[in-house]
């Protein structure tokens, strides 16, 4: 029984870590896209 619980906790832990990394990566991409949009707007308003 204990081995099964440890395995389940291990799976949940690795899934949590993976989704945490995925969320951070997604947020970084969103932020980068927003920064690029702002730069484009600056270029458009500059001309």
PDB file of N, CA and C in Angstrom:
ATOM      1  N   UNK A   1       0.836  -1.204   0.000  1.00  0.00           N
ATOM      2  CA  UNK A   1       0.000   0.000   0.000  1.00  0.00           C
ATOM      3  C   UNK A   1       0.874   1.258   0.000  1.00  0.00           C
ATOM      4  N   UNK A   2       1.929   1.242   0.832  1.00  0.00           N
ATOM      5  CA  UNK A   2       2.792   2.426   0.916  1.00  0.00           C
ATOM      6  C   UNK A   2       3.513   2.693  -0.398  1.00  0.00           C
ATOM      7  N   UNK A   3       3.953   1.628  -1.063  1.00  0.00           N
ATOM      8  CA  UNK A   3       4.633   1.809  -2.350  1.00  0.00           C
ATOM      9  C   UNK A   3       3.716   2.474  -3.355  1.00  0.00           C
ATOM     10  N   UNK A   4       2.454   2.042  -3.370  1.00  0.00           N
ATOM     11  CA  UNK A   4       1.480   2.608  -4.307  1.00  0.00           C
ATOM     12  C   UNK A   4       1.279   4.098  -4.023  1.00  0.00           C
ATOM     13  N   UNK A   5       1.148   4.448  -2.739  1.00  0.00           N
ATOM     14  CA  UNK A   5       0.964   5.858  -2.369  1.00  0.00           C
ATOM     15  C   UNK A   5       2.180   6.677  -2.792  1.00  0.00           C
ATOM     16  N   UNK A   6       3.381   6.161  -2.563  1.00  0.00           N
ATOM     17  CA  UNK A   6       4.592   6.879  -2.957  1.00  0.00           C
ATOM     18  C   UNK A   6       4.643   7.073  -4.464  1.00  0.00           C
ATOM     19  N   UNK A   7       4.217   6.042  -5.203  1.00  0.00           N
ATOM     20  CA  UNK A   7       4.210   6.142  -6.661  1.00  0.00           C
ATOM     21  C   UNK A   7       3.228   7.217  -7.115  1.00  0.00           C
ATOM     22  N   UNK A   8       2.054   7.237  -6.493  1.00  0.00           N
ATOM     23  CA  UNK A   8       1.033   8.240  -6.854  1.00  0.00           C
ATOM     24  C   UNK A   8       1.557   9.640  -6.534  1.00  0.00           C
ATOM     25  N   UNK A   9       2.158   9.801  -5.345  1.00  0.00           N
ATOM     26  CA  UNK A   9       2.709  11.108  -4.950  1.00  0.00           C
ATOM     27  C   UNK A   9       3.817  11.517  -5.921  1.00  0.00           C
ATOM     28  N   UNK A  10       4.639  10.551  -6.313  1.00  0.00           N
ATOM     29  CA  UNK A  10       5.714  10.838  -7.269  1.00  0.00           C
ATOM     30  C   UNK A  10       5.172  11.303  -8.612  1.00  0.00           C
ATOM     31  N   UNK A  11       4.132  10.633  -9.096  1.00  0.00           N
ATOM     32  CA  UNK A  11       3.519  11.006 -10.383  1.00  0.00           C
ATOM     33  C   UNK A  11       2.908  12.406 -10.278  1.00  0.00           C
ATOM     34  N   UNK A  12       2.152  12.640  -9.200  1.00  0.00           N
ATOM     35  CA  UNK A  12       1.526  13.959  -9.012  1.00  0.00           C
ATOM     36  C   UNK A  12       2.611  15.031  -8.917  1.00  0.00           C
ATOM     37  N   UNK A  13       3.688  14.728  -8.198  1.00  0.00           N
ATOM     38  CA  UNK A  13       4.783  15.687  -8.052  1.00  0.00           C
ATOM     39  C   UNK A  13       5.416  16.029  -9.387  1.00  0.00           C
ATOM     40  N   UNK A  14       5.698  15.022 -10.202  1.00  0.00           N
ATOM     41  CA  UNK A  14       6.340  15.290 -11.491  1.00  0.00           C
ATOM     42  C   UNK A  14       5.399  16.033 -12.439  1.00  0.00           C
ATOM     43  N   UNK A  15       4.100  15.715 -12.365  1.00  0.00           N
ATOM     44  CA  UNK A  15       3.116  16.433 -13.189  1.00  0.00           C
ATOM     45  C   UNK A  15       3.053  17.891 -12.752  1.00  0.00           C
ATOM     46  N   UNK A  16       3.074  18.134 -11.430  1.00  0.00           N
ATOM     47  CA  UNK A  16       3.022  19.497 -10.898  1.00  0.00           C
ATOM     48  C   UNK A  16       4.257  20.284 -11.350  1.00  0.00           C
ATOM     49  N   UNK A  17       5.425  19.664 -11.268  1.00  0.00           N
ATOM     50  CA  UNK A  17       6.659  20.328 -11.704  1.00  0.00           C
ATOM     51  C   UNK A  17       6.587  20.634 -13.191  1.00  0.00           C
ATOM     52  N   UNK A  18       6.147  19.665 -13.980  1.00  0.00           N
ATOM     53  CA  UNK A  18       6.069  19.858 -15.434  1.00  0.00           C
ATOM     54  C   UNK A  18       5.108  20.984 -15.788  1.00  0.00           C
ATOM     55  N   UNK A  19       3.909  20.992 -15.157  1.00  0.00           N
ATOM     56  CA  UNK A  19       2.944  22.050 -15.474  1.00  0.00           C
ATOM     57  C   UNK A  19       3.445  23.396 -14.966  1.00  0.00           C
ATOM     58  N   UNK A  20       4.192  23.398 -13.866  1.00  0.00           N
ATOM     59  CA  UNK A  20       4.785  24.649 -13.377  1.00  0.00           C
ATOM     60  C   UNK A  20       5.751  25.215 -14.401  1.00  0.00           C
ATOM     61  N   UNK A  21       6.610  24.366 -14.953  1.00  0.00           N
ATOM     62  CA  UNK A  21       7.563  24.797 -15.983  1.00  0.00           C
ATOM     63  C   UNK A  21       6.811  25.287 -17.219  1.00  0.00           C
ATOM     64  N   UNK A  22       5.765  24.548 -17.605  1.00  0.00           N
ATOM     65  CA  UNK A  22       4.983  24.923 -18.790  1.00  0.00           C
ATOM     66  C   UNK A  22       4.337  26.291 -18.602  1.00  0.00           C
ATOM     67  N   UNK A  23       3.786  26.533 -17.409  1.00  0.00           N
ATOM     68  CA  UNK A  23       3.133  27.821 -17.129  1.00  0.00           C
ATOM     69  C   UNK A  23       4.152  28.957 -17.181  1.00  0.00           C
ATOM     70  N   UNK A  24       5.320  28.754 -16.560  1.00  0.00           N
ATOM     71  CA  UNK A  24       6.365  29.786 -16.574  1.00  0.00           C
ATOM     72  C   UNK A  24       6.790  30.077 -18.011  1.00  0.00           C
ATOM     73  N   UNK A  25       6.993  29.021 -18.803  1.00  0.00           N
ATOM     74  CA  UNK A  25       7.399  29.177 -20.202  1.00  0.00           C
ATOM     75  C   UNK A  25       6.343  29.956 -20.989  1.00  0.00           C
ATOM     76  N   UNK A  26       5.063  29.606 -20.750  1.00  0.00           N
ATOM     77  CA  UNK A  26       3.952  30.258 -21.449  1.00  0.00           C
ATOM     78  C   UNK A  26       3.884  31.740 -21.082  1.00  0.00           C
ATOM     79  N   UNK A  27       4.034  32.043 -19.771  1.00  0.00           N
ATOM     80  CA  UNK A  27       4.000  33.443 -19.318  1.00  0.00           C
ATOM     81  C   UNK A  27       5.154  34.216 -19.943  1.00  0.00           C
ATOM     82  N   UNK A  28       6.355  33.627 -19.971  1.00  0.00           N
ATOM     83  CA  UNK A  28       7.512  34.309 -20.579  1.00  0.00           C
ATOM     84  C   UNK A  28       7.245  34.609 -22.044  1.00  0.00           C
ATOM     85  N   UNK A  29       6.652  33.667 -22.753  1.00  0.00           N
ATOM     86  CA  UNK A  29       6.337  33.897 -24.174  1.00  0.00           C
ATOM     87  C   UNK A  29       5.309  35.011 -24.327  1.00  0.00           C
ATOM     88  N   UNK A  30       4.281  35.020 -23.458  1.00  0.00           N
ATOM     89  CA  UNK A  30       3.250  36.068 -23.504  1.00  0.00           C
ATOM     90  C   UNK A  30       3.892  37.433 -23.272  1.00  0.00           C
ATOM     91  N   UNK A  31       4.744  37.508 -22.241  1.00  0.00           N
ATOM     92  CA  UNK A  31       5.404  38.776 -21.908  1.00  0.00           C
ATOM     93  C   UNK A  31       6.259  39.243 -23.081  1.00  0.00           C
ATOM     94  N   UNK A  32       7.004  38.321 -23.676  1.00  0.00           N
ATOM     95  CA  UNK A  32       7.859  38.675 -24.813  1.00  0.00           C
ATOM     96  C   UNK A  32       7.012  39.173 -25.986  1.00  0.00           C
ATOM     97  N   UNK A  33       5.893  38.503 -26.248  1.00  0.00           N
ATOM     98  CA  UNK A  33       5.000  38.907 -27.335  1.00  0.00           C
ATOM     99  C   UNK A  33       4.441  40.301 -27.062  1.00  0.00           C
ATOM    100  N   UNK A  34       4.063  40.563 -25.809  1.00  0.00           N
ATOM    101  CA  UNK A  34       3.527  41.882 -25.452  1.00  0.00           C
ATOM    102  C   UNK A  34       4.595  42.955 -25.637  1.00  0.00           C
ATOM    103  N   UNK A  35       5.835  42.664 -25.233  1.00  0.00           N
ATOM    104  CA  UNK A  35       6.924  43.631 -25.400  1.00  0.00           C
ATOM    105  C   UNK A  35       7.151  43.927 -26.875  1.00  0.00           C
ATOM    106  N   UNK A  36       7.113  42.889 -27.710  1.00  0.00           N
ATOM    107  CA  UNK A  36       7.303  43.080 -29.148  1.00  0.00           C
ATOM    108  C   UNK A  36       6.174  43.920 -29.732  1.00  0.00           C
ATOM    109  N   UNK A  37       4.929  43.698 -29.249  1.00  0.00           N
ATOM    110  CA  UNK A  37       3.793  44.495 -29.714  1.00  0.00           C
ATOM    111  C   UNK A  37       3.992  45.969 -29.350  1.00  0.00           C
ATOM    112  N   UNK A  38       4.451  46.219 -28.138  1.00  0.00           N
ATOM    113  CA  UNK A  38       4.676  47.602 -27.708  1.00  0.00           C
ATOM    114  C   UNK A  38       5.749  48.252 -28.566  1.00  0.00           C
ATOM    115  N   UNK A  39       6.800  47.496 -28.885  1.00  0.00           N
ATOM    116  CA  UNK A  39       7.861  48.039 -29.747  1.00  0.00           C
ATOM    117  C   UNK A  39       7.299  48.370 -31.126  1.00  0.00           C
ATOM    118  N   UNK A  40       6.459  47.488 -31.658  1.00  0.00           N
ATOM    119  CA  UNK A  40       5.840  47.741 -32.961  1.00  0.00           C
ATOM    120  C   UNK A  40       4.985  49.007 -32.916  1.00  0.00           C
ATOM    121  N   UNK A  41       4.214  49.160 -31.840  1.00  0.00           N
ATOM    122  CA  UNK A  41       3.368  50.352 -31.696  1.00  0.00           C
ATOM    123  C   UNK A  41       4.234  51.602 -31.647  1.00  0.00           C
ATOM    124  N   UNK A  42       5.369  51.533 -30.945  1.00  0.00           N
ATOM    125  CA  UNK A  42       6.291  52.675 -30.885  1.00  0.00           C
ATOM    126  C   UNK A  42       6.789  53.017 -32.286  1.00  0.00           C
ATOM    127  N   UNK A  43       7.130  51.992 -33.050  1.00  0.00           N
ATOM    128  CA  UNK A  43       7.631  52.202 -34.415  1.00  0.00           C
ATOM    129  C   UNK A  43       6.535  52.837 -35.275  1.00  0.00           C
ATOM    130  N   UNK A  44       5.310  52.323 -35.143  1.00  0.00           N
ATOM    131  CA  UNK A  44       4.191  52.830 -35.951  1.00  0.00           C
ATOM    132  C   UNK A  44       3.903  54.295 -35.593  1.00  0.00           C
ATOM    133  N   UNK A  45       3.866  54.607 -34.289  1.00  0.00           N
ATOM    134  CA  UNK A  45       3.550  55.982 -33.881  1.00  0.00           C
ATOM    135  C   UNK A  45       4.718  56.924 -34.167  1.00  0.00           C
ATOM    136  N   UNK A  46       5.922  56.380 -34.257  1.00  0.00           N
ATOM    137  CA  UNK A  46       7.103  57.215 -34.506  1.00  0.00           C
ATOM    138  C   UNK A  46       7.070  57.779 -35.920  1.00  0.00           C
ATOM    139  N   UNK A  47       6.595  56.971 -36.867  1.00  0.00           N
ATOM    140  CA  UNK A  47       6.603  57.397 -38.279  1.00  0.00           C
ATOM    141  C   UNK A  47       5.449  58.320 -38.603  1.00  0.00           C
TER     142      UNK A  47
END
